[in-house]
Amino acid sequence: MVVLFLILLLGLSTFYMGLFVWAIFNHFLTTDVPSALQHPVKFRSLHCVYLYVITLGNILEKMRICSMPKFVCFIHDVMSIKKKDPKVVVTDLRFGTIPVRLFQPKEASCSSRRGIIFYHGGAALFGSLNLYHNMCIFLAREADSVLLAVGYRKLPDHHYPVVTKDCLNATIHFLKSLKSYGVDPSRVVVCGESAGGWIAVQITQALVGQNDLPQIRAQVLIYPVIQAVNFQLPSIQQNQNVPFLTWDFLIMCICKYMAIDISWRDAMLKGTFIPPGTWKRYRKWLSSDNIPKRFKKKYQEPQFPGPFNEAAYLETKHLLDVENAPILADDEIIAQLPEAFLVSCENDILRDHTLLYKKRLEDQGVPVSWYHVEDGFHGCVVFFDKMLFFFPCSLKVLNAVVSYIKDI
């Protein structure tokens, strides 16, 4: 019995070690690490661990033990150490079936505070209230604001449009109860990171004209997803193999959430799913012509979109809906949006999403503040409190966000 146990232990150890070695080889064979990034060794090490966890999750999923997204969420929640801050009171609540977490400065205030509604990132696959817990404490404390973090339902159990519906319902509930939380109805900010930024844009647009609710004062969008139509932007070419959001992972997440078969990825990449008339209408908002020249280094502009493929269109046409590509909203909606604070990272596949939306807002007279991080990468804010895996760009972004919110 002891011998069998030792053999099993040796076998598992060999398997896990081999898997990690494979993750290291995969990283060096497929990954680009831009020279502008600080601490490249730390960055590479972290990505190797990331690949290892993702691969192990995929194996468990194929064995029907646990889905990959749930496994990754379990790992990042276990590794996330929720800090207690004596200056912030944290309360777990439920708005109906939606879990939310409230962060309130403990010190009494003689007047109502700002409110921040925060939507976490994670591509509708990963992310959780626990993973972003310490970041939310930081924002609530430093901006002296009441912050509500929304824990929406995700893949693999929930697909489009569940994420948006959960967040919209939680947002409306909170807006109707601001006074009970000590929040000034005239100073409510929506804030989102990555996919959470996409949610924040959708929510802000959905609330335009809702006169029975307090109006959103500002939108803070940290490297948001703005569209899934043009996949030939300069930042996609330049950063397609830069962690932690590569082209392969981005398209996989979009296909999973939108319930699109991955076999249509080439049609999505080349834009053959876009009807000519639709592109003619939206080109002025989605074309790489809107990207400033300084961001087009090493960019080879392809023929886009490719020859129209009706079958691809029928399978992917919901990508063209305004709900999924909020940059395509009518001018009348865009013009009514509140001021915006946009964050972009140079080494991010989504950098040009921010630049396109910045121009879209400015063209309609919406005040925009823009903060660009030359040494930033996608997902960097998650590591602001991770000590061993801390990156200076993480704190730069959060300090910029706090500085903006404090002026509201």
Protein backbone atom coordinates (compact mmCIF):
# COMPACT_ATOMS: atom_id res chain seq x y z
CA MET A 1 0.00 0.00 0.00
CA VAL A 2 2.83 2.38 0.91
CA VAL A 3 4.61 1.52 -2.34
CA LEU A 4 1.48 2.32 -4.37
CA PHE A 5 1.09 5.61 -2.54
CA LEU A 6 4.71 6.55 -3.26
CA ILE A 7 4.32 5.60 -6.93
CA LEU A 8 1.18 7.74 -7.17
CA LEU A 9 2.92 10.63 -5.43
CA LEU A 10 5.91 10.36 -7.76
CA GLY A 11 3.64 10.18 -10.79
CA LEU A 12 1.69 13.28 -9.77
CA SER A 13 4.88 15.17 -8.99
CA THR A 14 6.30 14.27 -12.39
CA PHE A 15 3.07 15.30 -14.10
CA TYR A 16 2.90 18.69 -12.38
CA MET A 17 6.59 19.34 -12.99
CA GLY A 18 6.28 18.37 -16.64
CA LEU A 19 3.26 20.63 -17.02
CA PHE A 20 5.17 23.56 -15.56
CA VAL A 21 8.13 22.92 -17.85
CA TRP A 22 5.70 22.89 -20.79
CA ALA A 23 4.26 26.24 -19.60
CA ILE A 24 7.77 27.72 -19.55
CA PHE A 25 8.53 26.49 -23.07
CA ASN A 26 5.16 27.72 -24.31
CA HIS A 27 5.81 31.14 -22.82
CA PHE A 28 9.18 31.58 -24.52
CA LEU A 29 7.92 30.23 -27.84
CA THR A 30 4.73 32.29 -28.10
CA THR A 31 5.03 35.35 -25.88
CA ASP A 32 6.34 38.86 -26.58
CA VAL A 33 7.65 40.93 -23.68
CA PRO A 34 7.98 44.58 -24.76
CA SER A 35 11.18 46.36 -23.78
CA ALA A 36 9.17 49.18 -22.17
CA LEU A 37 7.91 46.88 -19.42
CA GLN A 38 9.57 47.18 -16.05
CA HIS A 39 10.67 43.99 -14.26
CA PRO A 40 10.61 41.67 -17.32
CA VAL A 41 11.79 38.65 -15.33
CA LYS A 42 8.96 39.07 -12.84
CA PHE A 43 6.55 39.54 -15.74
CA ARG A 44 7.73 36.36 -17.46
CA SER A 45 7.58 34.35 -14.24
CA LEU A 46 4.05 35.50 -13.55
CA HIS A 47 2.93 34.61 -17.06
CA CYS A 48 4.45 31.12 -16.77
CA VAL A 49 2.40 30.56 -13.61
CA TYR A 50 -0.67 31.90 -15.40
CA LEU A 51 -0.18 29.51 -18.34
CA TYR A 52 0.34 26.64 -15.91
CA VAL A 53 -2.93 27.33 -14.08
CA ILE A 54 -4.88 27.78 -17.34
CA THR A 55 -3.47 24.55 -18.79
CA LEU A 56 -4.19 22.59 -15.63
CA GLY A 57 -7.73 24.00 -15.70
CA ASN A 58 -8.18 22.87 -19.30
CA ILE A 59 -7.03 19.37 -18.39
CA LEU A 60 -9.47 19.21 -15.48
CA GLU A 61 -12.23 20.42 -17.78
CA LYS A 62 -11.50 17.71 -20.35
CA MET A 63 -11.58 15.14 -17.54
CA ARG A 64 -14.98 16.60 -16.54
CA ILE A 65 -13.75 17.29 -13.02
CA CYS A 66 -14.08 21.08 -13.06
CA SER A 67 -14.46 23.76 -15.71
CA MET A 68 -11.36 25.80 -16.50
CA PRO A 69 -12.91 29.18 -15.53
CA LYS A 70 -14.14 27.88 -12.17
CA PHE A 71 -10.74 26.33 -11.44
CA VAL A 72 -8.90 29.56 -12.25
CA CYS A 73 -11.35 31.58 -10.13
CA PHE A 74 -10.82 29.14 -7.26
CA ILE A 75 -7.03 29.55 -7.53
CA HIS A 76 -7.03 33.34 -7.72
CA ASP A 77 -9.52 33.60 -4.84
CA VAL A 78 -7.42 31.28 -2.67
CA MET A 79 -4.29 33.31 -3.44
CA SER A 80 -6.03 36.64 -2.85
CA ILE A 81 -5.43 37.78 0.71
CA LYS A 82 -8.29 40.08 1.68
CA LYS A 83 -6.84 42.85 3.79
CA LYS A 84 -8.73 44.53 6.59
CA ASP A 85 -8.49 48.28 6.76
CA PRO A 86 -9.56 50.02 9.99
CA LYS A 87 -10.60 53.04 7.92
CA VAL A 88 -13.07 51.17 5.70
CA VAL A 89 -16.19 49.19 6.63
CA VAL A 90 -16.88 46.29 4.27
CA THR A 91 -20.34 44.72 4.01
CA ASP A 92 -21.43 41.79 1.83
CA LEU A 93 -24.95 42.23 0.50
CA ARG A 94 -27.32 40.82 -2.09
CA PHE A 95 -29.46 42.85 -4.42
CA GLY A 96 -31.97 40.13 -5.22
CA THR A 97 -29.77 37.25 -6.40
CA ILE A 98 -26.79 39.46 -7.27
CA PRO A 99 -23.91 39.48 -4.75
CA VAL A 100 -22.44 42.91 -4.13
CA ARG A 101 -19.86 44.26 -1.70
CA LEU A 102 -20.12 47.69 -0.09
CA PHE A 103 -17.03 49.66 0.96
CA GLN A 104 -17.70 52.67 3.21
CA PRO A 105 -15.13 55.00 4.83
CA LYS A 106 -15.46 54.56 8.58
CA GLU A 107 -14.83 58.17 9.53
CA ALA A 108 -18.01 60.21 9.84
CA SER A 109 -18.65 62.83 7.19
CA CYS A 110 -20.55 66.08 7.62
CA SER A 111 -21.92 65.74 4.09
CA SER A 112 -22.83 62.98 1.66
CA ARG A 113 -19.93 61.25 -0.05
CA ARG A 114 -19.24 60.41 -3.67
CA GLY A 115 -20.46 57.04 -4.86
CA ILE A 116 -18.46 54.66 -7.03
CA ILE A 117 -20.08 51.68 -8.75
CA PHE A 118 -17.30 49.26 -9.71
CA TYR A 119 -17.47 46.42 -12.24
CA HIS A 120 -14.52 44.04 -12.15
CA GLY A 121 -12.69 42.64 -15.16
CA GLY A 122 -11.89 39.08 -16.12
CA ALA A 123 -13.39 38.69 -19.64
CA ALA A 124 -16.61 37.25 -18.16
CA LEU A 125 -14.51 34.17 -17.37
CA PHE A 126 -12.42 35.16 -14.36
CA GLY A 127 -12.45 37.85 -11.70
CA SER A 128 -14.44 38.07 -8.49
CA LEU A 129 -15.26 40.33 -5.58
CA ASN A 130 -12.42 38.70 -3.64
CA LEU A 131 -9.80 39.25 -6.34
CA TYR A 132 -10.61 42.97 -6.50
CA HIS A 133 -11.32 43.36 -2.76
CA ASN A 134 -8.10 45.18 -1.84
CA MET A 135 -8.30 47.43 -4.88
CA CYS A 136 -11.83 48.46 -3.91
CA ILE A 137 -10.67 49.23 -0.36
CA PHE A 138 -7.90 51.40 -1.80
CA LEU A 139 -10.31 53.33 -4.04
CA ALA A 140 -12.90 53.84 -1.27
CA ARG A 141 -10.29 54.98 1.27
CA GLU A 142 -8.14 57.19 -0.95
CA ALA A 143 -11.05 58.78 -2.82
CA ASP A 144 -13.11 59.08 0.39
CA SER A 145 -16.06 57.50 -1.41
CA VAL A 146 -18.71 54.85 -0.87
CA LEU A 147 -17.94 52.08 -3.33
CA LEU A 148 -20.24 49.31 -4.48
CA ALA A 149 -18.58 46.35 -6.24
CA VAL A 150 -20.91 44.17 -8.31
CA GLY A 151 -20.39 40.39 -8.43
CA TYR A 152 -22.08 39.42 -11.67
CA ARG A 153 -22.63 35.88 -13.00
CA LYS A 154 -20.04 34.59 -15.48
CA LEU A 155 -19.06 31.79 -17.82
CA PRO A 156 -19.24 28.85 -18.16
CA ASP A 157 -22.78 28.78 -16.75
CA HIS A 158 -23.96 32.16 -18.00
CA HIS A 159 -23.62 33.71 -21.44
CA TYR A 160 -24.60 36.95 -23.18
CA PRO A 161 -26.42 39.07 -22.04
CA VAL A 162 -26.42 37.94 -18.38
CA VAL A 163 -23.42 40.04 -17.30
CA THR A 164 -24.94 43.31 -18.47
CA LYS A 165 -28.38 42.49 -17.02
CA ASP A 166 -26.94 41.64 -13.60
CA CYS A 167 -24.88 44.83 -13.50
CA LEU A 168 -27.72 47.03 -14.75
CA ASN A 169 -30.13 45.62 -12.16
CA ALA A 170 -27.60 46.08 -9.34
CA THR A 171 -26.80 49.61 -10.50
CA ILE A 172 -30.45 50.67 -10.63
CA HIS A 173 -31.06 49.19 -7.16
CA PHE A 174 -28.12 51.14 -5.76
CA LEU A 175 -29.12 54.39 -7.48
CA LYS A 176 -32.56 54.14 -5.90
CA SER A 177 -31.02 53.73 -2.43
CA LEU A 178 -28.17 56.27 -2.45
CA LYS A 179 -29.32 58.27 0.55
CA SER A 180 -29.45 55.18 2.76
CA TYR A 181 -25.74 54.65 2.02
CA GLY A 182 -24.81 58.30 2.55
CA VAL A 183 -24.11 58.95 -1.15
CA ASP A 184 -24.59 62.29 -2.88
CA PRO A 185 -26.91 61.58 -5.87
CA SER A 186 -25.14 64.25 -7.93
CA ARG A 187 -21.70 62.60 -7.55
CA VAL A 188 -22.04 58.99 -8.65
CA VAL A 189 -19.24 57.53 -10.77
CA VAL A 190 -19.28 54.24 -12.68
CA CYS A 191 -15.89 52.56 -12.92
CA GLY A 192 -14.81 49.42 -14.72
CA GLU A 193 -11.63 47.59 -15.65
CA SER A 194 -11.23 45.63 -18.90
CA ALA A 195 -14.52 43.76 -19.43
CA GLY A 196 -15.78 45.80 -16.48
CA GLY A 197 -15.06 48.91 -18.53
CA TRP A 198 -17.23 47.48 -21.31
CA ILE A 199 -19.98 46.97 -18.73
CA ALA A 200 -19.57 50.53 -17.42
CA VAL A 201 -19.98 51.95 -20.94
CA GLN A 202 -23.08 49.84 -21.54
CA ILE A 203 -24.64 50.82 -18.20
CA THR A 204 -23.92 54.52 -18.73
CA GLN A 205 -25.53 54.45 -22.16
CA ALA A 206 -28.52 52.42 -20.93
CA LEU A 207 -29.22 55.00 -18.22
CA VAL A 208 -29.26 57.97 -20.60
CA GLY A 209 -32.67 59.59 -20.39
CA GLN A 210 -33.72 57.72 -17.24
CA ASN A 211 -35.02 60.83 -15.51
CA ASP A 212 -36.46 58.87 -12.59
CA LEU A 213 -32.93 57.93 -11.48
CA PRO A 214 -29.94 60.00 -10.35
CA GLN A 215 -27.71 60.77 -13.35
CA ILE A 216 -24.24 59.29 -13.60
CA ARG A 217 -21.70 62.05 -12.96
CA ALA A 218 -18.70 60.44 -14.67
CA GLN A 219 -17.44 57.22 -16.21
CA VAL A 220 -13.98 55.86 -15.36
CA LEU A 221 -12.86 53.29 -17.93
CA ILE A 222 -9.62 51.38 -17.34
CA TYR A 223 -8.43 49.80 -20.64
CA PRO A 224 -12.03 48.89 -21.59
CA VAL A 225 -13.39 46.64 -24.32
CA ILE A 226 -15.35 48.90 -26.68
CA GLN A 227 -16.09 46.74 -29.72
CA ALA A 228 -15.63 43.30 -31.27
CA VAL A 229 -15.87 44.35 -34.90
CA ASN A 230 -12.44 45.55 -36.07
CA PHE A 231 -9.71 43.13 -35.05
CA GLN A 232 -7.10 44.75 -37.32
CA LEU A 233 -6.26 47.79 -35.23
CA PRO A 234 -2.57 48.67 -34.69
CA SER A 235 -2.56 47.63 -31.02
CA ILE A 236 -3.88 44.19 -31.93
CA GLN A 237 -1.05 43.64 -34.41
CA GLN A 238 1.58 45.08 -32.09
CA ASN A 239 0.48 43.38 -28.85
CA GLN A 240 -1.23 40.19 -30.04
CA ASN A 241 1.24 38.02 -28.09
CA VAL A 242 1.69 40.26 -25.05
CA PRO A 243 0.26 38.92 -21.75
CA PHE A 244 -2.15 38.97 -20.09
CA LEU A 245 -4.58 39.40 -22.93
CA THR A 246 -3.33 37.82 -26.15
CA TRP A 247 -5.24 37.65 -29.42
CA ASP A 248 -5.96 33.93 -28.97
CA PHE A 249 -7.32 34.43 -25.47
CA LEU A 250 -9.34 37.50 -26.45
CA ILE A 251 -11.10 35.75 -29.32
CA MET A 252 -11.71 32.66 -27.18
CA CYS A 253 -13.40 34.76 -24.49
CA ILE A 254 -15.55 36.63 -26.98
CA CYS A 255 -16.65 33.43 -28.71
CA LYS A 256 -17.49 31.72 -25.43
CA TYR A 257 -19.48 34.61 -24.01
CA MET A 258 -21.29 35.37 -27.27
CA ALA A 259 -21.91 31.66 -27.94
CA ILE A 260 -20.03 31.78 -31.27
CA ASP A 261 -18.27 28.67 -32.54
CA ILE A 262 -14.49 29.19 -32.47
CA SER A 263 -14.32 28.03 -36.10
CA TRP A 264 -15.46 31.55 -37.10
CA ARG A 265 -12.36 33.20 -35.61
CA ASP A 266 -10.71 33.80 -39.02
CA ALA A 267 -13.88 35.44 -40.33
CA MET A 268 -13.89 37.68 -37.25
CA LEU A 269 -10.20 38.52 -37.65
CA LYS A 270 -10.54 39.43 -41.34
CA GLY A 271 -13.90 41.14 -40.90
CA THR A 272 -15.65 39.01 -43.52
CA PHE A 273 -18.71 38.84 -41.26
CA ILE A 274 -19.32 42.59 -41.71
CA PRO A 275 -21.83 43.53 -44.46
CA PRO A 276 -20.37 46.20 -46.79
CA GLY A 277 -23.18 48.62 -45.97
CA THR A 278 -22.58 48.22 -42.24
CA TRP A 279 -18.86 48.92 -42.58
CA LYS A 280 -19.56 51.97 -44.72
CA ARG A 281 -21.77 53.30 -41.95
CA TYR A 282 -19.43 52.53 -39.03
CA ARG A 283 -16.00 52.96 -40.65
CA LYS A 284 -15.78 56.55 -39.40
CA TRP A 285 -15.82 55.24 -35.83
CA LEU A 286 -13.96 51.93 -36.13
CA SER A 287 -11.25 52.51 -38.73
CA SER A 288 -7.56 52.61 -37.82
CA ASP A 289 -7.57 56.04 -39.53
CA ASN A 290 -8.74 57.35 -36.14
CA ILE A 291 -5.59 56.13 -34.37
CA PRO A 292 -2.87 58.81 -33.99
CA LYS A 293 0.21 58.21 -36.13
CA ARG A 294 2.55 57.77 -33.16
CA PHE A 295 0.70 54.56 -32.23
CA LYS A 296 1.16 52.98 -35.67
CA LYS A 297 4.77 51.88 -35.44
CA LYS A 298 5.36 48.57 -37.24
CA TYR A 299 1.72 48.57 -38.33
CA GLN A 300 0.89 47.05 -41.70
CA GLU A 301 -2.62 48.09 -42.62
CA PRO A 302 -4.42 45.10 -44.15
CA GLN A 303 -7.35 45.05 -46.54
CA PHE A 304 -10.27 45.28 -44.15
CA PRO A 305 -12.90 44.07 -44.12
CA GLY A 306 -12.38 41.01 -46.33
CA PRO A 307 -14.91 39.66 -48.87
CA PHE A 308 -18.33 39.40 -47.25
CA ASN A 309 -19.29 35.95 -45.96
CA GLU A 310 -23.03 35.73 -45.29
CA ALA A 311 -22.73 32.48 -43.32
CA ALA A 312 -20.22 34.14 -40.99
CA TYR A 313 -22.52 37.13 -40.62
CA LEU A 314 -25.50 34.98 -39.62
CA GLU A 315 -23.43 33.29 -36.91
CA THR A 316 -21.79 36.43 -35.53
CA LYS A 317 -24.15 39.32 -36.34
CA HIS A 318 -24.87 40.07 -32.67
CA LEU A 319 -21.30 41.42 -32.45
CA LEU A 320 -22.63 44.40 -34.43
CA ASP A 321 -25.36 45.17 -31.89
CA VAL A 322 -24.89 48.43 -29.97
CA GLU A 323 -25.20 46.48 -26.71
CA ASN A 324 -21.99 44.60 -27.60
CA ALA A 325 -20.21 47.42 -29.41
CA PRO A 326 -21.21 50.57 -27.48
CA ILE A 327 -18.98 52.74 -29.67
CA LEU A 328 -21.66 52.26 -32.35
CA ALA A 329 -24.35 54.05 -30.34
CA ASP A 330 -26.14 56.91 -32.08
CA ASP A 331 -24.69 60.41 -31.83
CA GLU A 332 -27.73 61.49 -29.80
CA ILE A 333 -26.85 58.96 -27.08
CA ILE A 334 -23.12 59.65 -27.10
CA ALA A 335 -23.67 63.39 -26.80
CA GLN A 336 -25.66 62.92 -23.59
CA LEU A 337 -23.02 60.82 -21.83
CA PRO A 338 -21.24 62.18 -18.75
CA GLU A 339 -17.60 63.19 -18.75
CA ALA A 340 -15.09 60.37 -18.94
CA PHE A 341 -11.69 59.41 -17.55
CA LEU A 342 -10.01 56.90 -19.87
CA VAL A 343 -6.94 54.81 -19.09
CA SER A 344 -4.91 53.08 -21.79
CA CYS A 345 -1.75 51.00 -21.60
CA GLU A 346 0.85 51.03 -24.37
CA ASN A 347 1.49 47.28 -24.24
CA ASP A 348 -2.16 46.26 -24.35
CA ILE A 349 -4.08 44.68 -27.20
CA LEU A 350 -7.03 46.91 -26.21
CA ARG A 351 -5.07 50.18 -26.27
CA ASP A 352 -6.75 51.34 -29.47
CA HIS A 353 -10.22 50.61 -28.09
CA THR A 354 -9.60 53.44 -25.63
CA LEU A 355 -8.25 55.72 -28.37
CA LEU A 356 -11.27 55.08 -30.61
CA TYR A 357 -13.74 55.75 -27.80
CA LYS A 358 -11.83 58.86 -26.74
CA LYS A 359 -12.26 60.32 -30.23
CA ARG A 360 -15.90 59.18 -30.40
CA LEU A 361 -16.73 61.02 -27.17
CA GLU A 362 -14.73 64.13 -28.05
CA ASP A 363 -16.39 64.40 -31.46
CA GLN A 364 -19.74 64.71 -29.67
CA GLY A 365 -18.51 67.28 -27.18
CA VAL A 366 -18.18 64.96 -24.17
CA PRO A 367 -15.33 66.13 -21.85
CA VAL A 368 -12.58 63.48 -21.76
CA SER A 369 -9.53 63.12 -19.53
CA TRP A 370 -7.02 60.57 -20.81
CA TYR A 371 -4.23 58.85 -18.92
CA HIS A 372 -1.79 56.74 -20.95
CA VAL A 373 0.71 54.40 -19.28
CA GLU A 374 3.80 53.74 -21.39
CA ASP A 375 4.97 50.79 -19.27
CA GLY A 376 1.46 49.45 -18.63
CA PHE A 377 -0.01 46.14 -19.74
CA HIS A 378 -3.47 44.61 -19.69
CA GLY A 379 -4.61 43.60 -16.22
CA CYS A 380 -1.83 45.48 -14.45
CA VAL A 381 -4.07 47.03 -11.75
CA VAL A 382 -4.82 43.60 -10.29
CA PHE A 383 -1.21 43.37 -9.10
CA PHE A 384 -1.03 46.70 -7.24
CA ASP A 385 -1.02 44.98 -3.83
CA LYS A 386 0.66 41.68 -4.70
CA MET A 387 4.06 42.62 -3.21
CA LEU A 388 6.21 39.99 -4.95
CA PHE A 389 4.38 40.62 -8.22
CA PHE A 390 3.93 44.36 -7.82
CA PHE A 391 4.50 46.56 -10.88
CA PRO A 392 4.91 50.36 -10.68
CA CYS A 393 2.38 50.88 -13.48
CA SER A 394 -0.32 49.29 -11.29
CA LEU A 395 -0.14 52.03 -8.69
CA LYS A 396 0.25 54.74 -11.35
CA VAL A 397 -3.15 53.83 -12.79
CA LEU A 398 -4.94 53.66 -9.45
CA ASN A 399 -3.43 56.93 -8.23
CA ALA A 400 -4.55 58.62 -11.45
CA VAL A 401 -8.08 57.25 -11.00
CA VAL A 402 -8.21 58.44 -7.38
CA SER A 403 -6.93 61.88 -8.33
CA TYR A 404 -9.64 62.23 -10.96
CA ILE A 405 -12.47 61.02 -8.71
CA LYS A 406 -11.44 63.33 -5.85
CA ASP A 407 -11.99 66.33 -8.12
CA ILE A 408 -15.65 65.37 -8.65
